[in-house]
Amino acid sequence: MDDKTRIEIEAAAFRGLVEHLQRRTDVQNIDLMNLAGFCRNCLAKWYQAAAEEQGVKVSYDEARKTVYGMPYDEWKDKYVTEASDAQKRAFQETKPLHSKISGH
């Protein structure tokens, strides 16, 4: 496989993941962090870091809008619920397994 094709496939996979996460408004970021070690915000930070590696300046707010499909404050108002004590405990327990994001 040539690099151009690989990059196009990777980009399509990224878009599919983002579309899926935008549809799953019922899944809270803390649940993603607890189960997978990354969340929508992590994905936005990876997007921002990748843009900067290419010499493109993308703010964190712009990156989050790409991932959430709307400004983060709007998403938060519509979909974010208060984390339970159990979710907060699991977050602390799984912290060593959370994603490492270059530049953050």
PDB file of N, CA and C in Angstrom:
ATOM      1  N   MET A   1       0.845  -1.173   0.000  1.00  0.00           N
ATOM      2  CA  MET A   1       0.000   0.000   0.000  1.00  0.00           C
ATOM      3  C   MET A   1       0.892   1.239   0.000  1.00  0.00           C
ATOM      4  N   ASP A   2       0.567   2.192  -0.849  1.00  0.00           N
ATOM      5  CA  ASP A   2       1.370   3.414  -0.881  1.00  0.00           C
ATOM      6  C   ASP A   2       0.936   4.363   0.242  1.00  0.00           C
ATOM      7  N   ASP A   3       1.787   5.344   0.547  1.00  0.00           N
ATOM      8  CA  ASP A   3       1.528   6.269   1.652  1.00  0.00           C
ATOM      9  C   ASP A   3       0.232   7.051   1.470  1.00  0.00           C
ATOM     10  N   LYS A   4      -0.044   7.502   0.256  1.00  0.00           N
ATOM     11  CA  LYS A   4      -1.253   8.297   0.007  1.00  0.00           C
ATOM     12  C   LYS A   4      -2.509   7.481   0.337  1.00  0.00           C
ATOM     13  N   THR A   5      -2.539   6.249  -0.093  1.00  0.00           N
ATOM     14  CA  THR A   5      -3.692   5.378   0.183  1.00  0.00           C
ATOM     15  C   THR A   5      -3.812   5.107   1.671  1.00  0.00           C
ATOM     16  N   ARG A   6      -2.696   4.814   2.321  1.00  0.00           N
ATOM     17  CA  ARG A   6      -2.710   4.557   3.766  1.00  0.00           C
ATOM     18  C   ARG A   6      -3.259   5.764   4.518  1.00  0.00           C
ATOM     19  N   ILE A   7      -2.795   6.956   4.161  1.00  0.00           N
ATOM     20  CA  ILE A   7      -3.251   8.185   4.830  1.00  0.00           C
ATOM     21  C   ILE A   7      -4.743   8.401   4.604  1.00  0.00           C
ATOM     22  N   GLU A   8      -5.218   8.137   3.391  1.00  0.00           N
ATOM     23  CA  GLU A   8      -6.640   8.290   3.101  1.00  0.00           C
ATOM     24  C   GLU A   8      -7.478   7.309   3.919  1.00  0.00           C
ATOM     25  N   ILE A   9      -6.993   6.089   4.067  1.00  0.00           N
ATOM     26  CA  ILE A   9      -7.688   5.081   4.871  1.00  0.00           C
ATOM     27  C   ILE A   9      -7.687   5.495   6.340  1.00  0.00           C
ATOM     28  N   GLU A  10      -6.543   5.936   6.835  1.00  0.00           N
ATOM     29  CA  GLU A  10      -6.468   6.388   8.224  1.00  0.00           C
ATOM     30  C   GLU A  10      -7.397   7.572   8.471  1.00  0.00           C
ATOM     31  N   ALA A  11      -7.446   8.513   7.538  1.00  0.00           N
ATOM     32  CA  ALA A  11      -8.334   9.672   7.672  1.00  0.00           C
ATOM     33  C   ALA A  11      -9.797   9.241   7.689  1.00  0.00           C
ATOM     34  N   ALA A  12     -10.151   8.289   6.846  1.00  0.00           N
ATOM     35  CA  ALA A  12     -11.532   7.793   6.813  1.00  0.00           C
ATOM     36  C   ALA A  12     -11.880   7.097   8.127  1.00  0.00           C
ATOM     37  N   ALA A  13     -10.947   6.354   8.679  1.00  0.00           N
ATOM     38  CA  ALA A  13     -11.178   5.687   9.964  1.00  0.00           C
ATOM     39  C   ALA A  13     -11.372   6.724  11.071  1.00  0.00           C
ATOM     40  N   PHE A  14     -10.566   7.780  11.061  1.00  0.00           N
ATOM     41  CA  PHE A  14     -10.704   8.868  12.033  1.00  0.00           C
ATOM     42  C   PHE A  14     -12.085   9.503  11.907  1.00  0.00           C
ATOM     43  N   ARG A  15     -12.498   9.810  10.682  1.00  0.00           N
ATOM     44  CA  ARG A  15     -13.812  10.423  10.484  1.00  0.00           C
ATOM     45  C   ARG A  15     -14.928   9.498  10.983  1.00  0.00           C
ATOM     46  N   GLY A  16     -14.776   8.207  10.752  1.00  0.00           N
ATOM     47  CA  GLY A  16     -15.766   7.250  11.241  1.00  0.00           C
ATOM     48  C   GLY A  16     -15.840   7.234  12.760  1.00  0.00           C
ATOM     49  N   LEU A  17     -14.697   7.273  13.413  1.00  0.00           N
ATOM     50  CA  LEU A  17     -14.669   7.311  14.874  1.00  0.00           C
ATOM     51  C   LEU A  17     -15.328   8.585  15.388  1.00  0.00           C
ATOM     52  N   VAL A  18     -14.983   9.718  14.797  1.00  0.00           N
ATOM     53  CA  VAL A  18     -15.561  10.996  15.222  1.00  0.00           C
ATOM     54  C   VAL A  18     -17.078  10.992  15.029  1.00  0.00           C
ATOM     55  N   GLU A  19     -17.541  10.515  13.872  1.00  0.00           N
ATOM     56  CA  GLU A  19     -18.990  10.458  13.622  1.00  0.00           C
ATOM     57  C   GLU A  19     -19.685   9.565  14.647  1.00  0.00           C
ATOM     58  N   HIS A  20     -19.065   8.455  14.967  1.00  0.00           N
ATOM     59  CA  HIS A  20     -19.641   7.542  15.961  1.00  0.00           C
ATOM     60  C   HIS A  20     -19.733   8.217  17.325  1.00  0.00           C
ATOM     61  N   LEU A  21     -18.665   8.874  17.744  1.00  0.00           N
ATOM     62  CA  LEU A  21     -18.669   9.542  19.048  1.00  0.00           C
ATOM     63  C   LEU A  21     -19.664  10.704  19.082  1.00  0.00           C
ATOM     64  N   GLN A  22     -19.878  11.369  17.951  1.00  0.00           N
ATOM     65  CA  GLN A  22     -20.873  12.438  17.896  1.00  0.00           C
ATOM     66  C   GLN A  22     -22.291  11.877  18.044  1.00  0.00           C
ATOM     67  N   ARG A  23     -22.531  10.695  17.499  1.00  0.00           N
ATOM     68  CA  ARG A  23     -23.854  10.072  17.617  1.00  0.00           C
ATOM     69  C   ARG A  23     -24.108   9.531  19.020  1.00  0.00           C
ATOM     70  N   ARG A  24     -23.032   9.063  19.684  1.00  0.00           N
ATOM     71  CA  ARG A  24     -23.198   8.441  21.003  1.00  0.00           C
ATOM     72  C   ARG A  24     -23.142   9.492  22.112  1.00  0.00           C
ATOM     73  N   THR A  25     -24.138  10.380  22.075  1.00  0.00           N
ATOM     74  CA  THR A  25     -24.201  11.450  23.073  1.00  0.00           C
ATOM     75  C   THR A  25     -24.481  10.907  24.467  1.00  0.00           C
ATOM     76  N   ASP A  26     -24.929   9.664  24.554  1.00  0.00           N
ATOM     77  CA  ASP A  26     -25.202   9.039  25.848  1.00  0.00           C
ATOM     78  C   ASP A  26     -23.926   8.606  26.558  1.00  0.00           C
ATOM     79  N   VAL A  27     -22.839   8.470  25.819  1.00  0.00           N
ATOM     80  CA  VAL A  27     -21.582   8.007  26.411  1.00  0.00           C
ATOM     81  C   VAL A  27     -20.787   9.218  26.895  1.00  0.00           C
ATOM     82  N   GLN A  28     -20.559   9.259  28.185  1.00  0.00           N
ATOM     83  CA  GLN A  28     -19.833  10.361  28.798  1.00  0.00           C
ATOM     84  C   GLN A  28     -18.323  10.166  28.616  1.00  0.00           C
ATOM     85  N   ASN A  29     -17.597  11.259  28.582  1.00  0.00           N
ATOM     86  CA  ASN A  29     -16.144  11.186  28.450  1.00  0.00           C
ATOM     87  C   ASN A  29     -15.515  10.391  29.583  1.00  0.00           C
ATOM     88  N   ILE A  30     -16.039  10.522  30.787  1.00  0.00           N
ATOM     89  CA  ILE A  30     -15.448   9.792  31.913  1.00  0.00           C
ATOM     90  C   ILE A  30     -15.590   8.283  31.696  1.00  0.00           C
ATOM     91  N   ASP A  31     -16.696   7.853  31.068  1.00  0.00           N
ATOM     92  CA  ASP A  31     -16.860   6.431  30.761  1.00  0.00           C
ATOM     93  C   ASP A  31     -15.817   5.972  29.745  1.00  0.00           C
ATOM     94  N   LEU A  32     -15.588   6.808  28.725  1.00  0.00           N
ATOM     95  CA  LEU A  32     -14.556   6.486  27.736  1.00  0.00           C
ATOM     96  C   LEU A  32     -13.188   6.393  28.407  1.00  0.00           C
ATOM     97  N   MET A  33     -12.877   7.350  29.264  1.00  0.00           N
ATOM     98  CA  MET A  33     -11.577   7.347  29.959  1.00  0.00           C
ATOM     99  C   MET A  33     -11.431   6.101  30.818  1.00  0.00           C
ATOM    100  N   ASN A  34     -12.480   5.775  31.546  1.00  0.00           N
ATOM    101  CA  ASN A  34     -12.411   4.624  32.450  1.00  0.00           C
ATOM    102  C   ASN A  34     -12.263   3.305  31.703  1.00  0.00           C
ATOM    103  N   LEU A  35     -12.893   3.189  30.548  1.00  0.00           N
ATOM    104  CA  LEU A  35     -12.846   1.932  29.799  1.00  0.00           C
ATOM    105  C   LEU A  35     -11.722   1.858  28.777  1.00  0.00           C
ATOM    106  N   ALA A  36     -11.460   2.973  28.100  1.00  0.00           N
ATOM    107  CA  ALA A  36     -10.512   2.952  26.987  1.00  0.00           C
ATOM    108  C   ALA A  36      -9.255   3.780  27.227  1.00  0.00           C
ATOM    109  N   GLY A  37      -9.275   4.634  28.249  1.00  0.00           N
ATOM    110  CA  GLY A  37      -8.092   5.443  28.538  1.00  0.00           C
ATOM    111  C   GLY A  37      -7.968   6.683  27.677  1.00  0.00           C
ATOM    112  N   PHE A  38      -8.998   7.004  26.891  1.00  0.00           N
ATOM    113  CA  PHE A  38      -9.015   8.248  26.114  1.00  0.00           C
ATOM    114  C   PHE A  38     -10.459   8.681  25.967  1.00  0.00           C
ATOM    115  N   CYS A  39     -10.644   9.950  25.624  1.00  0.00           N
ATOM    116  CA  CYS A  39     -11.994  10.479  25.451  1.00  0.00           C
ATOM    117  C   CYS A  39     -12.013  11.447  24.272  1.00  0.00           C
ATOM    118  N   ARG A  40     -13.111  12.105  24.095  1.00  0.00           N
ATOM    119  CA  ARG A  40     -13.244  13.070  23.002  1.00  0.00           C
ATOM    120  C   ARG A  40     -12.216  14.195  23.127  1.00  0.00           C
ATOM    121  N   ASN A  41     -11.968  14.640  24.356  1.00  0.00           N
ATOM    122  CA  ASN A  41     -10.980  15.705  24.558  1.00  0.00           C
ATOM    123  C   ASN A  41      -9.581  15.237  24.180  1.00  0.00           C
ATOM    124  N   CYS A  42      -9.252  14.000  24.498  1.00  0.00           N
ATOM    125  CA  CYS A  42      -7.953  13.444  24.099  1.00  0.00           C
ATOM    126  C   CYS A  42      -7.837  13.432  22.585  1.00  0.00           C
ATOM    127  N   LEU A  43      -8.902  12.992  21.928  1.00  0.00           N
ATOM    128  CA  LEU A  43      -8.908  12.939  20.469  1.00  0.00           C
ATOM    129  C   LEU A  43      -8.705  14.340  19.887  1.00  0.00           C
ATOM    130  N   ALA A  44      -9.328  15.341  20.494  1.00  0.00           N
ATOM    131  CA  ALA A  44      -9.145  16.725  20.045  1.00  0.00           C
ATOM    132  C   ALA A  44      -7.699  17.174  20.242  1.00  0.00           C
ATOM    133  N   LYS A  45      -7.093  16.780  21.344  1.00  0.00           N
ATOM    134  CA  LYS A  45      -5.691  17.147  21.597  1.00  0.00           C
ATOM    135  C   LYS A  45      -4.761  16.450  20.597  1.00  0.00           C
ATOM    136  N   TRP A  46      -5.052  15.197  20.259  1.00  0.00           N
ATOM    137  CA  TRP A  46      -4.258  14.508  19.235  1.00  0.00           C
ATOM    138  C   TRP A  46      -4.413  15.203  17.889  1.00  0.00           C
ATOM    139  N   TYR A  47      -5.634  15.620  17.584  1.00  0.00           N
ATOM    140  CA  TYR A  47      -5.897  16.335  16.334  1.00  0.00           C
ATOM    141  C   TYR A  47      -5.105  17.638  16.302  1.00  0.00           C
ATOM    142  N   GLN A  48      -5.154  18.379  17.384  1.00  0.00           N
ATOM    143  CA  GLN A  48      -4.428  19.646  17.482  1.00  0.00           C
ATOM    144  C   GLN A  48      -2.927  19.419  17.331  1.00  0.00           C
ATOM    145  N   ALA A  49      -2.394  18.423  18.018  1.00  0.00           N
ATOM    146  CA  ALA A  49      -0.959  18.127  17.942  1.00  0.00           C
ATOM    147  C   ALA A  49      -0.565  17.708  16.528  1.00  0.00           C
ATOM    148  N   ALA A  50      -1.400  16.900  15.871  1.00  0.00           N
ATOM    149  CA  ALA A  50      -1.102  16.466  14.502  1.00  0.00           C
ATOM    150  C   ALA A  50      -1.119  17.651  13.540  1.00  0.00           C
ATOM    151  N   ALA A  51      -2.050  18.565  13.736  1.00  0.00           N
ATOM    152  CA  ALA A  51      -2.097  19.765  12.892  1.00  0.00           C
ATOM    153  C   ALA A  51      -0.826  20.583  13.061  1.00  0.00           C
ATOM    154  N   GLU A  52      -0.412  20.760  14.300  1.00  0.00           N
ATOM    155  CA  GLU A  52       0.793  21.543  14.578  1.00  0.00           C
ATOM    156  C   GLU A  52       2.032  20.886  13.992  1.00  0.00           C
ATOM    157  N   GLU A  53       2.075  19.539  13.983  1.00  0.00           N
ATOM    158  CA  GLU A  53       3.193  18.827  13.361  1.00  0.00           C
ATOM    159  C   GLU A  53       3.270  19.127  11.869  1.00  0.00           C
ATOM    160  N   GLN A  54       2.131  19.450  11.278  1.00  0.00           N
ATOM    161  CA  GLN A  54       2.073  19.785   9.858  1.00  0.00           C
ATOM    162  C   GLN A  54       2.200  21.289   9.610  1.00  0.00           C
ATOM    163  N   GLY A  55       2.471  22.040  10.686  1.00  0.00           N
ATOM    164  CA  GLY A  55       2.624  23.487  10.562  1.00  0.00           C
ATOM    165  C   GLY A  55       1.318  24.243  10.478  1.00  0.00           C
ATOM    166  N   VAL A  56       0.229  23.599  10.888  1.00  0.00           N
ATOM    167  CA  VAL A  56      -1.092  24.222  10.861  1.00  0.00           C
ATOM    168  C   VAL A  56      -1.500  24.565  12.291  1.00  0.00           C
ATOM    169  N   LYS A  57      -1.823  25.819  12.520  1.00  0.00           N
ATOM    170  CA  LYS A  57      -2.224  26.260  13.856  1.00  0.00           C
ATOM    171  C   LYS A  57      -3.723  25.990  14.028  1.00  0.00           C
ATOM    172  N   VAL A  58      -4.052  25.136  14.979  1.00  0.00           N
ATOM    173  CA  VAL A  58      -5.432  24.818  15.321  1.00  0.00           C
ATOM    174  C   VAL A  58      -5.569  24.992  16.825  1.00  0.00           C
ATOM    175  N   SER A  59      -6.507  25.818  17.242  1.00  0.00           N
ATOM    176  CA  SER A  59      -6.711  26.010  18.684  1.00  0.00           C
ATOM    177  C   SER A  59      -7.391  24.773  19.263  1.00  0.00           C
ATOM    178  N   TYR A  60      -7.287  24.624  20.567  1.00  0.00           N
ATOM    179  CA  TYR A  60      -7.944  23.513  21.254  1.00  0.00           C
ATOM    180  C   TYR A  60      -9.457  23.602  21.048  1.00  0.00           C
ATOM    181  N   ASP A  61     -10.015  24.804  21.109  1.00  0.00           N
ATOM    182  CA  ASP A  61     -11.455  24.965  20.885  1.00  0.00           C
ATOM    183  C   ASP A  61     -11.851  24.532  19.476  1.00  0.00           C
ATOM    184  N   GLU A  62     -11.033  24.877  18.480  1.00  0.00           N
ATOM    185  CA  GLU A  62     -11.309  24.459  17.103  1.00  0.00           C
ATOM    186  C   GLU A  62     -11.230  22.930  16.973  1.00  0.00           C
ATOM    187  N   ALA A  63     -10.230  22.348  17.616  1.00  0.00           N
ATOM    188  CA  ALA A  63     -10.075  20.889  17.561  1.00  0.00           C
ATOM    189  C   ALA A  63     -11.260  20.203  18.236  1.00  0.00           C
ATOM    190  N   ARG A  64     -11.690  20.734  19.372  1.00  0.00           N
ATOM    191  CA  ARG A  64     -12.850  20.140  20.047  1.00  0.00           C
ATOM    192  C   ARG A  64     -14.115  20.276  19.204  1.00  0.00           C
ATOM    193  N   LYS A  65     -14.267  21.394  18.501  1.00  0.00           N
ATOM    194  CA  LYS A  65     -15.438  21.554  17.628  1.00  0.00           C
ATOM    195  C   LYS A  65     -15.422  20.501  16.517  1.00  0.00           C
ATOM    196  N   THR A  66     -14.227  20.182  16.017  1.00  0.00           N
ATOM    197  CA  THR A  66     -14.101  19.132  15.009  1.00  0.00           C
ATOM    198  C   THR A  66     -14.563  17.790  15.563  1.00  0.00           C
ATOM    199  N   VAL A  67     -14.160  17.487  16.776  1.00  0.00           N
ATOM    200  CA  VAL A  67     -14.486  16.189  17.376  1.00  0.00           C
ATOM    201  C   VAL A  67     -15.930  16.139  17.867  1.00  0.00           C
ATOM    202  N   TYR A  68     -16.392  17.181  18.529  1.00  0.00           N
ATOM    203  CA  TYR A  68     -17.747  17.179  19.085  1.00  0.00           C
ATOM    204  C   TYR A  68     -18.823  17.501  18.052  1.00  0.00           C
ATOM    205  N   GLY A  69     -18.430  18.145  16.946  1.00  0.00           N
ATOM    206  CA  GLY A  69     -19.399  18.531  15.942  1.00  0.00           C
ATOM    207  C   GLY A  69     -20.143  19.805  16.281  1.00  0.00           C
ATOM    208  N   MET A  70     -19.713  20.467  17.326  1.00  0.00           N
ATOM    209  CA  MET A  70     -20.299  21.725  17.798  1.00  0.00           C
ATOM    210  C   MET A  70     -19.354  22.298  18.843  1.00  0.00           C
ATOM    211  N   PRO A  71     -19.530  23.557  19.202  1.00  0.00           N
ATOM    212  CA  PRO A  71     -18.679  24.087  20.279  1.00  0.00           C
ATOM    213  C   PRO A  71     -18.844  23.255  21.557  1.00  0.00           C
ATOM    214  N   TYR A  72     -17.745  23.072  22.281  1.00  0.00           N
ATOM    215  CA  TYR A  72     -17.766  22.221  23.465  1.00  0.00           C
ATOM    216  C   TYR A  72     -18.801  22.682  24.480  1.00  0.00           C
ATOM    217  N   ASP A  73     -18.927  23.991  24.694  1.00  0.00           N
ATOM    218  CA  ASP A  73     -19.896  24.487  25.685  1.00  0.00           C
ATOM    219  C   ASP A  73     -21.321  24.074  25.327  1.00  0.00           C
ATOM    220  N   GLU A  74     -21.619  24.056  24.041  1.00  0.00           N
ATOM    221  CA  GLU A  74     -22.941  23.615  23.597  1.00  0.00           C
ATOM    222  C   GLU A  74     -23.134  22.128  23.886  1.00  0.00           C
ATOM    223  N   TRP A  75     -22.104  21.313  23.561  1.00  0.00           N
ATOM    224  CA  TRP A  75     -22.156  19.874  23.852  1.00  0.00           C
ATOM    225  C   TRP A  75     -22.354  19.651  25.350  1.00  0.00           C
ATOM    226  N   LYS A  76     -21.579  20.379  26.126  1.00  0.00           N
ATOM    227  CA  LYS A  76     -21.637  20.225  27.580  1.00  0.00           C
ATOM    228  C   LYS A  76     -23.043  20.522  28.102  1.00  0.00           C
ATOM    229  N   ASP A  77     -23.629  21.613  27.629  1.00  0.00           N
ATOM    230  CA  ASP A  77     -24.981  21.977  28.065  1.00  0.00           C
ATOM    231  C   ASP A  77     -26.013  20.930  27.666  1.00  0.00           C
ATOM    232  N   LYS A  78     -25.849  20.333  26.493  1.00  0.00           N
ATOM    233  CA  LYS A  78     -26.828  19.375  25.983  1.00  0.00           C
ATOM    234  C   LYS A  78     -26.667  17.967  26.556  1.00  0.00           C
ATOM    235  N   TYR A  79     -25.401  17.524  26.743  1.00  0.00           N
ATOM    236  CA  TYR A  79     -25.185  16.095  26.943  1.00  0.00           C
ATOM    237  C   TYR A  79     -24.412  15.683  28.193  1.00  0.00           C
ATOM    238  N   VAL A  80     -23.670  16.570  28.801  1.00  0.00           N
ATOM    239  CA  VAL A  80     -22.821  16.156  29.925  1.00  0.00           C
ATOM    240  C   VAL A  80     -23.647  16.050  31.200  1.00  0.00           C
ATOM    241  N   THR A  81     -23.450  14.933  31.899  1.00  0.00           N
ATOM    242  CA  THR A  81     -24.101  14.718  33.190  1.00  0.00           C
ATOM    243  C   THR A  81     -23.030  14.664  34.278  1.00  0.00           C
ATOM    244  N   GLU A  82     -23.445  14.868  35.503  1.00  0.00           N
ATOM    245  CA  GLU A  82     -22.522  14.822  36.638  1.00  0.00           C
ATOM    246  C   GLU A  82     -22.012  13.391  36.816  1.00  0.00           C
ATOM    247  N   ALA A  83     -20.714  13.257  37.004  1.00  0.00           N
ATOM    248  CA  ALA A  83     -20.110  11.935  37.213  1.00  0.00           C
ATOM    249  C   ALA A  83     -20.504  11.407  38.592  1.00  0.00           C
ATOM    250  N   SER A  84     -20.768  10.119  38.634  1.00  0.00           N
ATOM    251  CA  SER A  84     -21.089   9.476  39.913  1.00  0.00           C
ATOM    252  C   SER A  84     -19.814   9.265  40.718  1.00  0.00           C
ATOM    253  N   ASP A  85     -19.980   8.978  41.988  1.00  0.00           N
ATOM    254  CA  ASP A  85     -18.819   8.680  42.829  1.00  0.00           C
ATOM    255  C   ASP A  85     -18.064   7.462  42.298  1.00  0.00           C
ATOM    256  N   ALA A  86     -18.806   6.462  41.809  1.00  0.00           N
ATOM    257  CA  ALA A  86     -18.171   5.257  41.264  1.00  0.00           C
ATOM    258  C   ALA A  86     -17.357   5.603  40.009  1.00  0.00           C
ATOM    259  N   GLN A  87     -17.885   6.458  39.148  1.00  0.00           N
ATOM    260  CA  GLN A  87     -17.154   6.874  37.952  1.00  0.00           C
ATOM    261  C   GLN A  87     -15.887   7.638  38.341  1.00  0.00           C
ATOM    262  N   LYS A  88     -15.998   8.503  39.316  1.00  0.00           N
ATOM    263  CA  LYS A  88     -14.842   9.282  39.770  1.00  0.00           C
ATOM    264  C   LYS A  88     -13.773   8.368  40.372  1.00  0.00           C
ATOM    265  N   ARG A  89     -14.202   7.366  41.148  1.00  0.00           N
ATOM    266  CA  ARG A  89     -13.246   6.401  41.725  1.00  0.00           C
ATOM    267  C   ARG A  89     -12.545   5.624  40.621  1.00  0.00           C
ATOM    268  N   ALA A  90     -13.312   5.151  39.659  1.00  0.00           N
ATOM    269  CA  ALA A  90     -12.733   4.384  38.550  1.00  0.00           C
ATOM    270  C   ALA A  90     -11.755   5.250  37.757  1.00  0.00           C
ATOM    271  N   PHE A  91     -12.077   6.528  37.596  1.00  0.00           N
ATOM    272  CA  PHE A  91     -11.188   7.447  36.886  1.00  0.00           C
ATOM    273  C   PHE A  91      -9.833   7.508  37.586  1.00  0.00           C
ATOM    274  N   GLN A  92      -9.834   7.638  38.892  1.00  0.00           N
ATOM    275  CA  GLN A  92      -8.582   7.705  39.650  1.00  0.00           C
ATOM    276  C   GLN A  92      -7.820   6.374  39.585  1.00  0.00           C
ATOM    277  N   GLU A  93      -8.557   5.274  39.643  1.00  0.00           N
ATOM    278  CA  GLU A  93      -7.925   3.947  39.599  1.00  0.00           C
ATOM    279  C   GLU A  93      -7.293   3.652  38.241  1.00  0.00           C
ATOM    280  N   THR A  94      -7.888   4.155  37.172  1.00  0.00           N
ATOM    281  CA  THR A  94      -7.392   3.868  35.821  1.00  0.00           C
ATOM    282  C   THR A  94      -6.449   4.943  35.303  1.00  0.00           C
ATOM    283  N   LYS A  95      -6.201   5.968  36.097  1.00  0.00           N
ATOM    284  CA  LYS A  95      -5.387   7.108  35.645  1.00  0.00           C
ATOM    285  C   LYS A  95      -4.042   6.701  35.042  1.00  0.00           C
ATOM    286  N   PRO A  96      -3.326   5.726  35.618  1.00  0.00           N
ATOM    287  CA  PRO A  96      -2.040   5.355  35.010  1.00  0.00           C
ATOM    288  C   PRO A  96      -2.172   4.814  33.581  1.00  0.00           C
ATOM    289  N   LEU A  97      -3.360   4.376  33.195  1.00  0.00           N
ATOM    290  CA  LEU A  97      -3.588   3.809  31.874  1.00  0.00           C
ATOM    291  C   LEU A  97      -4.136   4.826  30.877  1.00  0.00           C
ATOM    292  N   HIS A  98      -4.373   6.063  31.329  1.00  0.00           N
ATOM    293  CA  HIS A  98      -4.937   7.087  30.439  1.00  0.00           C
ATOM    294  C   HIS A  98      -3.916   7.499  29.382  1.00  0.00           C
ATOM    295  N   SER A  99      -4.440   8.006  28.280  1.00  0.00           N
ATOM    296  CA  SER A  99      -3.604   8.356  27.127  1.00  0.00           C
ATOM    297  C   SER A  99      -2.559   9.394  27.481  1.00  0.00           C
ATOM    298  N   LYS A 100      -1.454   9.287  26.801  1.00  0.00           N
ATOM    299  CA  LYS A 100      -0.379  10.282  26.880  1.00  0.00           C
ATOM    300  C   LYS A 100      -0.451  11.090  25.609  1.00  0.00           C
ATOM    301  N   ILE A 101      -0.542  12.380  25.741  1.00  0.00           N
ATOM    302  CA  ILE A 101      -0.736  13.240  24.578  1.00  0.00           C
ATOM    303  C   ILE A 101       0.449  14.171  24.434  1.00  0.00           C
ATOM    304  N   SER A 102       1.121  14.037  23.326  1.00  0.00           N
ATOM    305  CA  SER A 102       2.311  14.849  23.057  1.00  0.00           C
ATOM    306  C   SER A 102       1.966  16.330  23.136  1.00  0.00           C
ATOM    307  N   GLY A 103       2.770  17.084  23.862  1.00  0.00           N
ATOM    308  CA  GLY A 103       2.601  18.516  23.961  1.00  0.00           C
ATOM    309  C   GLY A 103       1.576  18.956  24.984  1.00  0.00           C
ATOM    310  N   HIS A 104       0.983  18.001  25.720  1.00  0.00           N
ATOM    311  CA  HIS A 104      -0.035  18.364  26.710  1.00  0.00           C
ATOM    312  C   HIS A 104       0.268  17.721  28.039  1.00  0.00           C
TER     313      HIS A 104
END
